[in-house]
Amino acid sequence: MIVTRLERLARSNRDLLNTLAAITAKRAGFRLQHDTWADTTGPRTGVLCFLARTGEGTARAESRGVKLGRKPTLTHQQQLEAIKRLNAGRETQGEIARCYNASGRTISRLGTE
């Protein structure tokens, strides 16, 4: 499979890695038309180089202060309030979660952070 731009193949790194895994599982190769670093038709170095570049890009983004992943459900202040309410022991996790329009799992994780 030859692709002109990565954006044409996948919307995220995870999606791209899953797609590349599916391609290689079918014993097919992948090549980015204008870049040699994303060529899996030869030795496995193409995949390794691709994964290294993905990791490097993630590291660069994190060093610039980009927060990866989902946004927190609760603000820092809400987390502190919820922890205080949990420690008081007068309310269940579910009751506290409903006050913040969050899941009980979100509240239960506060005690472990």
PDB file of N, CA and C in Angstrom:
ATOM      1  N   MET A   1       0.853  -1.156   0.000  1.00  0.00           N
ATOM      2  CA  MET A   1       0.000   0.000   0.000  1.00  0.00           C
ATOM      3  C   MET A   1       0.903   1.224   0.000  1.00  0.00           C
ATOM      4  N   ILE A   2       0.675   2.118  -0.919  1.00  0.00           N
ATOM      5  CA  ILE A   2       1.429   3.366  -0.990  1.00  0.00           C
ATOM      6  C   ILE A   2       0.474   4.508  -0.675  1.00  0.00           C
ATOM      7  N   VAL A   3       0.885   5.350   0.262  1.00  0.00           N
ATOM      8  CA  VAL A   3       0.053   6.469   0.705  1.00  0.00           C
ATOM      9  C   VAL A   3       0.823   7.760   0.458  1.00  0.00           C
ATOM     10  N   THR A   4       0.125   8.779  -0.012  1.00  0.00           N
ATOM     11  CA  THR A   4       0.788  10.059  -0.270  1.00  0.00           C
ATOM     12  C   THR A   4       1.045  10.842   1.006  1.00  0.00           C
ATOM     13  N   ARG A   5       0.088  10.820   1.945  1.00  0.00           N
ATOM     14  CA  ARG A   5       0.230  11.523   3.215  1.00  0.00           C
ATOM     15  C   ARG A   5      -0.368  10.664   4.325  1.00  0.00           C
ATOM     16  N   LEU A   6       0.264  10.687   5.495  1.00  0.00           N
ATOM     17  CA  LEU A   6      -0.223   9.888   6.620  1.00  0.00           C
ATOM     18  C   LEU A   6      -1.632  10.282   7.036  1.00  0.00           C
ATOM     19  N   GLU A   7      -1.977  11.571   6.889  1.00  0.00           N
ATOM     20  CA  GLU A   7      -3.303  12.030   7.281  1.00  0.00           C
ATOM     21  C   GLU A   7      -4.398  11.337   6.471  1.00  0.00           C
ATOM     22  N   ARG A   8      -4.035  10.829   5.316  1.00  0.00           N
ATOM     23  CA  ARG A   8      -5.002  10.123   4.474  1.00  0.00           C
ATOM     24  C   ARG A   8      -5.285   8.714   4.978  1.00  0.00           C
ATOM     25  N   LEU A   9      -4.389   8.197   5.788  1.00  0.00           N
ATOM     26  CA  LEU A   9      -4.512   6.813   6.248  1.00  0.00           C
ATOM     27  C   LEU A   9      -5.143   6.707   7.633  1.00  0.00           C
ATOM     28  N   ALA A  10      -4.838   7.648   8.528  1.00  0.00           N
ATOM     29  CA  ALA A  10      -5.305   7.518   9.910  1.00  0.00           C
ATOM     30  C   ALA A  10      -5.497   8.888  10.542  1.00  0.00           C
ATOM     31  N   ARG A  11      -6.325   8.928  11.576  1.00  0.00           N
ATOM     32  CA  ARG A  11      -6.615  10.183  12.269  1.00  0.00           C
ATOM     33  C   ARG A  11      -5.774  10.395  13.513  1.00  0.00           C
ATOM     34  N   SER A  12      -5.187   9.315  14.039  1.00  0.00           N
ATOM     35  CA  SER A  12      -4.364   9.438  15.243  1.00  0.00           C
ATOM     36  C   SER A  12      -3.224   8.431  15.161  1.00  0.00           C
ATOM     37  N   ASN A  13      -2.249   8.585  16.047  1.00  0.00           N
ATOM     38  CA  ASN A  13      -1.130   7.640  16.075  1.00  0.00           C
ATOM     39  C   ASN A  13      -1.612   6.232  16.363  1.00  0.00           C
ATOM     40  N   ARG A  14      -2.530   6.114  17.301  1.00  0.00           N
ATOM     41  CA  ARG A  14      -3.044   4.794  17.655  1.00  0.00           C
ATOM     42  C   ARG A  14      -3.745   4.145  16.460  1.00  0.00           C
ATOM     43  N   ASP A  15      -4.554   4.934  15.783  1.00  0.00           N
ATOM     44  CA  ASP A  15      -5.254   4.439  14.606  1.00  0.00           C
ATOM     45  C   ASP A  15      -4.257   4.017  13.526  1.00  0.00           C
ATOM     46  N   LEU A  16      -3.209   4.807  13.354  1.00  0.00           N
ATOM     47  CA  LEU A  16      -2.190   4.494  12.362  1.00  0.00           C
ATOM     48  C   LEU A  16      -1.461   3.202  12.708  1.00  0.00           C
ATOM     49  N   LEU A  17      -1.087   3.042  13.973  1.00  0.00           N
ATOM     50  CA  LEU A  17      -0.399   1.819  14.387  1.00  0.00           C
ATOM     51  C   LEU A  17      -1.287   0.595  14.203  1.00  0.00           C
ATOM     52  N   ASN A  18      -2.575   0.723  14.524  1.00  0.00           N
ATOM     53  CA  ASN A  18      -3.507  -0.387  14.322  1.00  0.00           C
ATOM     54  C   ASN A  18      -3.641  -0.718  12.848  1.00  0.00           C
ATOM     55  N   THR A  19      -3.702   0.301  12.001  1.00  0.00           N
ATOM     56  CA  THR A  19      -3.812   0.082  10.562  1.00  0.00           C
ATOM     57  C   THR A  19      -2.560  -0.588  10.031  1.00  0.00           C
ATOM     58  N   LEU A  20      -1.378  -0.123  10.471  1.00  0.00           N
ATOM     59  CA  LEU A  20      -0.132  -0.754  10.034  1.00  0.00           C
ATOM     60  C   LEU A  20      -0.046  -2.202  10.498  1.00  0.00           C
ATOM     61  N   ALA A  21      -0.535  -2.486  11.686  1.00  0.00           N
ATOM     62  CA  ALA A  21      -0.539  -3.865  12.179  1.00  0.00           C
ATOM     63  C   ALA A  21      -1.440  -4.735  11.309  1.00  0.00           C
ATOM     64  N   ALA A  22      -2.583  -4.207  10.917  1.00  0.00           N
ATOM     65  CA  ALA A  22      -3.498  -4.955  10.052  1.00  0.00           C
ATOM     66  C   ALA A  22      -2.872  -5.200   8.680  1.00  0.00           C
ATOM     67  N   ILE A  23      -2.175  -4.208   8.171  1.00  0.00           N
ATOM     68  CA  ILE A  23      -1.524  -4.352   6.860  1.00  0.00           C
ATOM     69  C   ILE A  23      -0.444  -5.424   6.914  1.00  0.00           C
ATOM     70  N   THR A  24       0.396  -5.376   7.947  1.00  0.00           N
ATOM     71  CA  THR A  24       1.474  -6.358   8.045  1.00  0.00           C
ATOM     72  C   THR A  24       0.936  -7.751   8.369  1.00  0.00           C
ATOM     73  N   ALA A  25      -0.195  -7.828   9.065  1.00  0.00           N
ATOM     74  CA  ALA A  25      -0.804  -9.143   9.347  1.00  0.00           C
ATOM     75  C   ALA A  25      -1.255  -9.824   8.058  1.00  0.00           C
ATOM     76  N   LYS A  26      -1.591  -9.028   7.065  1.00  0.00           N
ATOM     77  CA  LYS A  26      -2.007  -9.569   5.757  1.00  0.00           C
ATOM     78  C   LYS A  26      -0.802  -9.816   4.852  1.00  0.00           C
ATOM     79  N   ARG A  27       0.406  -9.683   5.428  1.00  0.00           N
ATOM     80  CA  ARG A  27       1.659  -9.860   4.695  1.00  0.00           C
ATOM     81  C   ARG A  27       1.802  -8.865   3.540  1.00  0.00           C
ATOM     82  N   ALA A  28       1.294  -7.673   3.768  1.00  0.00           N
ATOM     83  CA  ALA A  28       1.424  -6.599   2.787  1.00  0.00           C
ATOM     84  C   ALA A  28       2.400  -5.573   3.344  1.00  0.00           C
ATOM     85  N   GLY A  29       2.837  -4.672   2.508  1.00  0.00           N
ATOM     86  CA  GLY A  29       3.762  -3.636   2.922  1.00  0.00           C
ATOM     87  C   GLY A  29       3.115  -2.275   2.855  1.00  0.00           C
ATOM     88  N   PHE A  30       3.718  -1.352   3.552  1.00  0.00           N
ATOM     89  CA  PHE A  30       3.234   0.027   3.589  1.00  0.00           C
ATOM     90  C   PHE A  30       4.396   0.942   3.240  1.00  0.00           C
ATOM     91  N   ARG A  31       4.114   1.937   2.436  1.00  0.00           N
ATOM     92  CA  ARG A  31       5.151   2.904   2.094  1.00  0.00           C
ATOM     93  C   ARG A  31       4.538   4.276   1.962  1.00  0.00           C
ATOM     94  N   LEU A  32       5.199   5.246   2.554  1.00  0.00           N
ATOM     95  CA  LEU A  32       4.803   6.638   2.408  1.00  0.00           C
ATOM     96  C   LEU A  32       5.509   7.146   1.158  1.00  0.00           C
ATOM     97  N   GLN A  33       4.764   7.691   0.235  1.00  0.00           N
ATOM     98  CA  GLN A  33       5.270   7.978  -1.102  1.00  0.00           C
ATOM     99  C   GLN A  33       6.537   8.829  -1.127  1.00  0.00           C
ATOM    100  N   HIS A  34       6.586   9.870  -0.350  1.00  0.00           N
ATOM    101  CA  HIS A  34       7.710  10.801  -0.446  1.00  0.00           C
ATOM    102  C   HIS A  34       8.708  10.703   0.702  1.00  0.00           C
ATOM    103  N   ASP A  35       8.531   9.764   1.625  1.00  0.00           N
ATOM    104  CA  ASP A  35       9.450   9.614   2.752  1.00  0.00           C
ATOM    105  C   ASP A  35       9.896   8.170   2.875  1.00  0.00           C
ATOM    106  N   THR A  36      11.199   7.975   2.982  1.00  0.00           N
ATOM    107  CA  THR A  36      11.722   6.609   3.071  1.00  0.00           C
ATOM    108  C   THR A  36      11.646   6.040   4.483  1.00  0.00           C
ATOM    109  N   TRP A  37      11.458   6.890   5.493  1.00  0.00           N
ATOM    110  CA  TRP A  37      11.437   6.392   6.864  1.00  0.00           C
ATOM    111  C   TRP A  37      10.215   5.535   7.150  1.00  0.00           C
ATOM    112  N   ALA A  38       9.155   5.674   6.373  1.00  0.00           N
ATOM    113  CA  ALA A  38       7.931   4.894   6.608  1.00  0.00           C
ATOM    114  C   ALA A  38       7.752   3.866   5.500  1.00  0.00           C
ATOM    115  N   ASP A  39       8.725   2.965   5.377  1.00  0.00           N
ATOM    116  CA  ASP A  39       8.679   1.929   4.356  1.00  0.00           C
ATOM    117  C   ASP A  39       8.818   0.573   5.031  1.00  0.00           C
ATOM    118  N   THR A  40       7.751  -0.207   5.032  1.00  0.00           N
ATOM    119  CA  THR A  40       7.790  -1.527   5.657  1.00  0.00           C
ATOM    120  C   THR A  40       7.917  -2.635   4.621  1.00  0.00           C
ATOM    121  N   THR A  41       8.173  -2.273   3.374  1.00  0.00           N
ATOM    122  CA  THR A  41       8.266  -3.298   2.330  1.00  0.00           C
ATOM    123  C   THR A  41       9.600  -4.017   2.359  1.00  0.00           C
ATOM    124  N   GLY A  42      10.603  -3.423   2.983  1.00  0.00           N
ATOM    125  CA  GLY A  42      11.920  -4.040   3.095  1.00  0.00           C
ATOM    126  C   GLY A  42      12.087  -4.664   4.465  1.00  0.00           C
ATOM    127  N   PRO A  43      13.280  -4.581   4.992  1.00  0.00           N
ATOM    128  CA  PRO A  43      13.507  -5.097   6.352  1.00  0.00           C
ATOM    129  C   PRO A  43      12.633  -4.371   7.370  1.00  0.00           C
ATOM    130  N   ARG A  44      12.513  -4.893   8.549  1.00  0.00           N
ATOM    131  CA  ARG A  44      11.631  -4.348   9.594  1.00  0.00           C
ATOM    132  C   ARG A  44      12.079  -2.976  10.082  1.00  0.00           C
ATOM    133  N   THR A  45      13.147  -2.444   9.558  1.00  0.00           N
ATOM    134  CA  THR A  45      13.623  -1.145  10.036  1.00  0.00           C
ATOM    135  C   THR A  45      12.616  -0.046   9.783  1.00  0.00           C
ATOM    136  N   GLY A  46      11.794  -0.182   8.743  1.00  0.00           N
ATOM    137  CA  GLY A  46      10.789   0.835   8.460  1.00  0.00           C
ATOM    138  C   GLY A  46       9.818   0.989   9.607  1.00  0.00           C
ATOM    139  N   VAL A  47       9.330  -0.111  10.129  1.00  0.00           N
ATOM    140  CA  VAL A  47       8.386  -0.067  11.245  1.00  0.00           C
ATOM    141  C   VAL A  47       9.073   0.472  12.492  1.00  0.00           C
ATOM    142  N   LEU A  48      10.281   0.006  12.750  1.00  0.00           N
ATOM    143  CA  LEU A  48      10.998   0.469  13.933  1.00  0.00           C
ATOM    144  C   LEU A  48      11.288   1.959  13.842  1.00  0.00           C
ATOM    145  N   CYS A  49      11.680   2.413  12.666  1.00  0.00           N
ATOM    146  CA  CYS A  49      11.951   3.843  12.479  1.00  0.00           C
ATOM    147  C   CYS A  49      10.663   4.641  12.656  1.00  0.00           C
ATOM    148  N   PHE A  50       9.567   4.101  12.126  1.00  0.00           N
ATOM    149  CA  PHE A  50       8.281   4.778  12.263  1.00  0.00           C
ATOM    150  C   PHE A  50       7.890   4.895  13.730  1.00  0.00           C
ATOM    151  N   LEU A  51       8.031   3.789  14.469  1.00  0.00           N
ATOM    152  CA  LEU A  51       7.685   3.813  15.890  1.00  0.00           C
ATOM    153  C   LEU A  51       8.597   4.760  16.658  1.00  0.00           C
ATOM    154  N   ALA A  52       9.868   4.804  16.302  1.00  0.00           N
ATOM    155  CA  ALA A  52      10.798   5.713  16.966  1.00  0.00           C
ATOM    156  C   ALA A  52      10.380   7.156  16.714  1.00  0.00           C
ATOM    157  N   ARG A  53      10.002   7.462  15.483  1.00  0.00           N
ATOM    158  CA  ARG A  53       9.587   8.835  15.164  1.00  0.00           C
ATOM    159  C   ARG A  53       8.308   9.206  15.898  1.00  0.00           C
ATOM    160  N   THR A  54       7.393   8.244  16.021  1.00  0.00           N
ATOM    161  CA  THR A  54       6.157   8.505  16.757  1.00  0.00           C
ATOM    162  C   THR A  54       6.480   8.819  18.209  1.00  0.00           C
ATOM    163  N   GLY A  55       7.364   8.013  18.801  1.00  0.00           N
ATOM    164  CA  GLY A  55       7.773   8.251  20.187  1.00  0.00           C
ATOM    165  C   GLY A  55       8.484   9.574  20.355  1.00  0.00           C
ATOM    166  N   GLU A  56       9.345   9.927  19.386  1.00  0.00           N
ATOM    167  CA  GLU A  56      10.054  11.200  19.450  1.00  0.00           C
ATOM    168  C   GLU A  56       9.071  12.370  19.369  1.00  0.00           C
ATOM    169  N   GLY A  57       8.080  12.244  18.499  1.00  0.00           N
ATOM    170  CA  GLY A  57       7.080  13.306  18.361  1.00  0.00           C
ATOM    171  C   GLY A  57       6.294  13.500  19.647  1.00  0.00           C
ATOM    172  N   THR A  58       5.943  12.398  20.286  1.00  0.00           N
ATOM    173  CA  THR A  58       5.223  12.469  21.555  1.00  0.00           C
ATOM    174  C   THR A  58       6.100  13.140  22.615  1.00  0.00           C
ATOM    175  N   ALA A  59       7.368  12.766  22.671  1.00  0.00           N
ATOM    176  CA  ALA A  59       8.281  13.353  23.651  1.00  0.00           C
ATOM    177  C   ALA A  59       8.457  14.854  23.412  1.00  0.00           C
ATOM    178  N   ARG A  60       8.577  15.258  22.133  1.00  0.00           N
ATOM    179  CA  ARG A  60       8.714  16.686  21.821  1.00  0.00           C
ATOM    180  C   ARG A  60       7.467  17.452  22.252  1.00  0.00           C
ATOM    181  N   ALA A  61       6.303  16.870  21.996  1.00  0.00           N
ATOM    182  CA  ALA A  61       5.055  17.541  22.376  1.00  0.00           C
ATOM    183  C   ALA A  61       4.988  17.703  23.894  1.00  0.00           C
ATOM    184  N   GLU A  62       5.341  16.653  24.622  1.00  0.00           N
ATOM    185  CA  GLU A  62       5.303  16.731  26.084  1.00  0.00           C
ATOM    186  C   GLU A  62       6.309  17.752  26.611  1.00  0.00           C
ATOM    187  N   SER A  63       7.479  17.849  25.970  1.00  0.00           N
ATOM    188  CA  SER A  63       8.481  18.822  26.428  1.00  0.00           C
ATOM    189  C   SER A  63       8.021  20.261  26.187  1.00  0.00           C
ATOM    190  N   ARG A  64       7.140  20.457  25.204  1.00  0.00           N
ATOM    191  CA  ARG A  64       6.577  21.783  24.951  1.00  0.00           C
ATOM    192  C   ARG A  64       5.395  22.070  25.866  1.00  0.00           C
ATOM    193  N   GLY A  65       5.048  21.111  26.720  1.00  0.00           N
ATOM    194  CA  GLY A  65       3.959  21.320  27.661  1.00  0.00           C
ATOM    195  C   GLY A  65       2.602  20.888  27.156  1.00  0.00           C
ATOM    196  N   VAL A  66       2.559  20.192  26.015  1.00  0.00           N
ATOM    197  CA  VAL A  66       1.291  19.706  25.483  1.00  0.00           C
ATOM    198  C   VAL A  66       0.816  18.560  26.358  1.00  0.00           C
ATOM    199  N   LYS A  67      -0.421  18.644  26.799  1.00  0.00           N
ATOM    200  CA  LYS A  67      -0.992  17.580  27.628  1.00  0.00           C
ATOM    201  C   LYS A  67      -1.662  16.576  26.704  1.00  0.00           C
ATOM    202  N   LEU A  68      -1.241  15.334  26.781  1.00  0.00           N
ATOM    203  CA  LEU A  68      -1.795  14.280  25.945  1.00  0.00           C
ATOM    204  C   LEU A  68      -2.879  13.537  26.711  1.00  0.00           C
ATOM    205  N   GLY A  69      -3.799  12.953  25.988  1.00  0.00           N
ATOM    206  CA  GLY A  69      -4.865  12.184  26.608  1.00  0.00           C
ATOM    207  C   GLY A  69      -6.103  13.018  26.869  1.00  0.00           C
ATOM    208  N   ARG A  70      -7.052  12.402  27.566  1.00  0.00           N
ATOM    209  CA  ARG A  70      -8.310  13.087  27.867  1.00  0.00           C
ATOM    210  C   ARG A  70      -8.110  14.201  28.866  1.00  0.00           C
ATOM    211  N   LYS A  71      -8.968  15.171  28.775  1.00  0.00           N
ATOM    212  CA  LYS A  71      -8.980  16.244  29.771  1.00  0.00           C
ATOM    213  C   LYS A  71      -9.557  15.665  31.068  1.00  0.00           C
ATOM    214  N   PRO A  72      -9.079  16.121  32.219  1.00  0.00           N
ATOM    215  CA  PRO A  72      -9.617  15.620  33.481  1.00  0.00           C
ATOM    216  C   PRO A  72     -11.100  15.979  33.619  1.00  0.00           C
ATOM    217  N   THR A  73     -11.857  15.087  34.212  1.00  0.00           N
ATOM    218  CA  THR A  73     -13.279  15.331  34.424  1.00  0.00           C
ATOM    219  C   THR A  73     -13.489  16.449  35.438  1.00  0.00           C
ATOM    220  N   LEU A  74     -12.673  16.441  36.473  1.00  0.00           N
ATOM    221  CA  LEU A  74     -12.802  17.435  37.543  1.00  0.00           C
ATOM    222  C   LEU A  74     -11.626  18.396  37.518  1.00  0.00           C
ATOM    223  N   THR A  75     -11.887  19.645  37.864  1.00  0.00           N
ATOM    224  CA  THR A  75     -10.794  20.605  38.006  1.00  0.00           C
ATOM    225  C   THR A  75     -10.004  20.230  39.260  1.00  0.00           C
ATOM    226  N   HIS A  76      -8.837  20.856  39.422  1.00  0.00           N
ATOM    227  CA  HIS A  76      -8.018  20.576  40.599  1.00  0.00           C
ATOM    228  C   HIS A  76      -8.778  20.918  41.885  1.00  0.00           C
ATOM    229  N   GLN A  77      -9.467  22.034  41.871  1.00  0.00           N
ATOM    230  CA  GLN A  77     -10.239  22.452  43.052  1.00  0.00           C
ATOM    231  C   GLN A  77     -11.343  21.441  43.363  1.00  0.00           C
ATOM    232  N   GLN A  78     -12.048  20.984  42.338  1.00  0.00           N
ATOM    233  CA  GLN A  78     -13.105  19.987  42.538  1.00  0.00           C
ATOM    234  C   GLN A  78     -12.523  18.687  43.088  1.00  0.00           C
ATOM    235  N   GLN A  79     -11.345  18.305  42.617  1.00  0.00           N
ATOM    236  CA  GLN A  79     -10.702  17.092  43.133  1.00  0.00           C
ATOM    237  C   GLN A  79     -10.406  17.221  44.622  1.00  0.00           C
ATOM    238  N   LEU A  80      -9.879  18.377  45.015  1.00  0.00           N
ATOM    239  CA  LEU A  80      -9.570  18.597  46.428  1.00  0.00           C
ATOM    240  C   LEU A  80     -10.839  18.542  47.283  1.00  0.00           C
ATOM    241  N   GLU A  81     -11.918  19.166  46.791  1.00  0.00           N
ATOM    242  CA  GLU A  81     -13.189  19.147  47.527  1.00  0.00           C
ATOM    243  C   GLU A  81     -13.729  17.722  47.636  1.00  0.00           C
ATOM    244  N   ALA A  82     -13.657  16.979  46.539  1.00  0.00           N
ATOM    245  CA  ALA A  82     -14.175  15.606  46.544  1.00  0.00           C
ATOM    246  C   ALA A  82     -13.373  14.726  47.503  1.00  0.00           C
ATOM    247  N   ILE A  83     -12.063  14.899  47.541  1.00  0.00           N
ATOM    248  CA  ILE A  83     -11.223  14.126  48.460  1.00  0.00           C
ATOM    249  C   ILE A  83     -11.587  14.446  49.903  1.00  0.00           C
ATOM    250  N   LYS A  84     -11.802  15.731  50.171  1.00  0.00           N
ATOM    251  CA  LYS A  84     -12.187  16.150  51.525  1.00  0.00           C
ATOM    252  C   LYS A  84     -13.516  15.493  51.917  1.00  0.00           C
ATOM    253  N   ARG A  85     -14.470  15.483  50.992  1.00  0.00           N
ATOM    254  CA  ARG A  85     -15.784  14.881  51.264  1.00  0.00           C
ATOM    255  C   ARG A  85     -15.674  13.372  51.442  1.00  0.00           C
ATOM    256  N   LEU A  86     -14.802  12.748  50.644  1.00  0.00           N
ATOM    257  CA  LEU A  86     -14.590  11.302  50.795  1.00  0.00           C
ATOM    258  C   LEU A  86     -14.015  10.979  52.174  1.00  0.00           C
ATOM    259  N   ASN A  87     -13.016  11.740  52.574  1.00  0.00           N
ATOM    260  CA  ASN A  87     -12.349  11.498  53.856  1.00  0.00           C
ATOM    261  C   ASN A  87     -13.276  11.756  55.043  1.00  0.00           C
ATOM    262  N   ALA A  88     -14.249  12.637  54.848  1.00  0.00           N
ATOM    263  CA  ALA A  88     -15.209  12.899  55.923  1.00  0.00           C
ATOM    264  C   ALA A  88     -16.073  11.670  56.189  1.00  0.00           C
ATOM    265  N   GLY A  89     -16.293  10.870  55.164  1.00  0.00           N
ATOM    266  CA  GLY A  89     -17.010   9.612  55.332  1.00  0.00           C
ATOM    267  C   GLY A  89     -18.510   9.730  55.477  1.00  0.00           C
ATOM    268  N   ARG A  90     -19.099  10.865  55.225  1.00  0.00           N
ATOM    269  CA  ARG A  90     -20.546  11.034  55.372  1.00  0.00           C
ATOM    270  C   ARG A  90     -21.310  10.769  54.086  1.00  0.00           C
ATOM    271  N   GLU A  91     -20.580  10.718  52.950  1.00  0.00           N
ATOM    272  CA  GLU A  91     -21.226  10.507  51.657  1.00  0.00           C
ATOM    273  C   GLU A  91     -20.559   9.335  50.935  1.00  0.00           C
ATOM    274  N   THR A  92     -21.324   8.690  50.076  1.00  0.00           N
ATOM    275  CA  THR A  92     -20.758   7.612  49.270  1.00  0.00           C
ATOM    276  C   THR A  92     -20.069   8.210  48.043  1.00  0.00           C
ATOM    277  N   GLN A  93     -19.258   7.394  47.396  1.00  0.00           N
ATOM    278  CA  GLN A  93     -18.586   7.850  46.176  1.00  0.00           C
ATOM    279  C   GLN A  93     -19.617   8.232  45.114  1.00  0.00           C
ATOM    280  N   GLY A  94     -20.680   7.466  45.026  1.00  0.00           N
ATOM    281  CA  GLY A  94     -21.723   7.744  44.045  1.00  0.00           C
ATOM    282  C   GLY A  94     -22.409   9.076  44.276  1.00  0.00           C
ATOM    283  N   GLU A  95     -22.676   9.384  45.547  1.00  0.00           N
ATOM    284  CA  GLU A  95     -23.313  10.670  45.861  1.00  0.00           C
ATOM    285  C   GLU A  95     -22.404  11.839  45.499  1.00  0.00           C
ATOM    286  N   ILE A  96     -21.145  11.694  45.815  1.00  0.00           N
ATOM    287  CA  ILE A  96     -20.186  12.752  45.482  1.00  0.00           C
ATOM    288  C   ILE A  96     -20.054  12.876  43.966  1.00  0.00           C
ATOM    289  N   ALA A  97     -19.993  11.759  43.286  1.00  0.00           N
ATOM    290  CA  ALA A  97     -19.852  11.766  41.823  1.00  0.00           C
ATOM    291  C   ALA A  97     -21.025  12.486  41.162  1.00  0.00           C
ATOM    292  N   ARG A  98     -22.245  12.233  41.657  1.00  0.00           N
ATOM    293  CA  ARG A  98     -23.423  12.892  41.073  1.00  0.00           C
ATOM    294  C   ARG A  98     -23.360  14.412  41.232  1.00  0.00           C
ATOM    295  N   CYS A  99     -22.799  14.885  42.324  1.00  0.00           N
ATOM    296  CA  CYS A  99     -22.672  16.332  42.539  1.00  0.00           C
ATOM    297  C   CYS A  99     -21.772  16.988  41.490  1.00  0.00           C
ATOM    298  N   TYR A 100     -20.793  16.235  40.997  1.00  0.00           N
ATOM    299  CA  TYR A 100     -19.851  16.779  40.022  1.00  0.00           C
ATOM    300  C   TYR A 100     -20.137  16.283  38.602  1.00  0.00           C
ATOM    301  N   ASN A 101     -21.242  15.585  38.428  1.00  0.00           N
ATOM    302  CA  ASN A 101     -21.588  15.019  37.124  1.00  0.00           C
ATOM    303  C   ASN A 101     -20.442  14.160  36.599  1.00  0.00           C
ATOM    304  N   ALA A 102     -19.915  13.316  37.476  1.00  0.00           N
ATOM    305  CA  ALA A 102     -18.794  12.440  37.149  1.00  0.00           C
ATOM    306  C   ALA A 102     -19.198  11.003  37.479  1.00  0.00           C
ATOM    307  N   SER A 103     -18.336  10.065  37.143  1.00  0.00           N
ATOM    308  CA  SER A 103     -18.619   8.672  37.465  1.00  0.00           C
ATOM    309  C   SER A 103     -18.046   8.337  38.842  1.00  0.00           C
ATOM    310  N   GLY A 104     -18.575   7.278  39.429  1.00  0.00           N
ATOM    311  CA  GLY A 104     -18.037   6.805  40.706  1.00  0.00           C
ATOM    312  C   GLY A 104     -16.589   6.390  40.574  1.00  0.00           C
ATOM    313  N   ARG A 105     -16.241   5.881  39.379  1.00  0.00           N
ATOM    314  CA  ARG A 105     -14.852   5.470  39.134  1.00  0.00           C
ATOM    315  C   ARG A 105     -13.918   6.667  39.206  1.00  0.00           C
ATOM    316  N   THR A 106     -14.351   7.805  38.669  1.00  0.00           N
ATOM    317  CA  THR A 106     -13.534   9.024  38.731  1.00  0.00           C
ATOM    318  C   THR A 106     -13.274   9.403  40.183  1.00  0.00           C
ATOM    319  N   ILE A 107     -14.278   9.326  41.006  1.00  0.00           N
ATOM    320  CA  ILE A 107     -14.135   9.679  42.417  1.00  0.00           C
ATOM    321  C   ILE A 107     -13.266   8.646  43.137  1.00  0.00           C
ATOM    322  N   SER A 108     -13.445   7.373  42.823  1.00  0.00           N
ATOM    323  CA  SER A 108     -12.653   6.331  43.507  1.00  0.00           C
ATOM    324  C   SER A 108     -11.172   6.461  43.183  1.00  0.00           C
ATOM    325  N   ARG A 109     -10.839   6.956  42.007  1.00  0.00           N
ATOM    326  CA  ARG A 109      -9.436   7.138  41.632  1.00  0.00           C
ATOM    327  C   ARG A 109      -8.782   8.266  42.425  1.00  0.00           C
ATOM    328  N   LEU A 110      -9.557   9.182  42.931  1.00  0.00           N
ATOM    329  CA  LEU A 110      -8.980  10.314  43.674  1.00  0.00           C
ATOM    330  C   LEU A 110      -8.241   9.844  44.917  1.00  0.00           C
ATOM    331  N   GLY A 111      -8.725   8.801  45.519  1.00  0.00           N
ATOM    332  CA  GLY A 111      -8.088   8.300  46.730  1.00  0.00           C
ATOM    333  C   GLY A 111      -6.741   7.642  46.449  1.00  0.00           C
ATOM    334  N   THR A 112      -6.507   7.259  45.187  1.00  0.00           N
ATOM    335  CA  THR A 112      -5.251   6.564  44.857  1.00  0.00           C
ATOM    336  C   THR A 112      -4.220   7.482  44.249  1.00  0.00           C
ATOM    337  N   GLU A 113      -4.573   8.727  43.984  1.00  0.00           N
ATOM    338  CA  GLU A 113      -3.614   9.649  43.330  1.00  0.00           C
ATOM    339  C   GLU A 113      -2.811  10.398  44.347  1.00  0.00           C
TER     340      GLU A 113
END
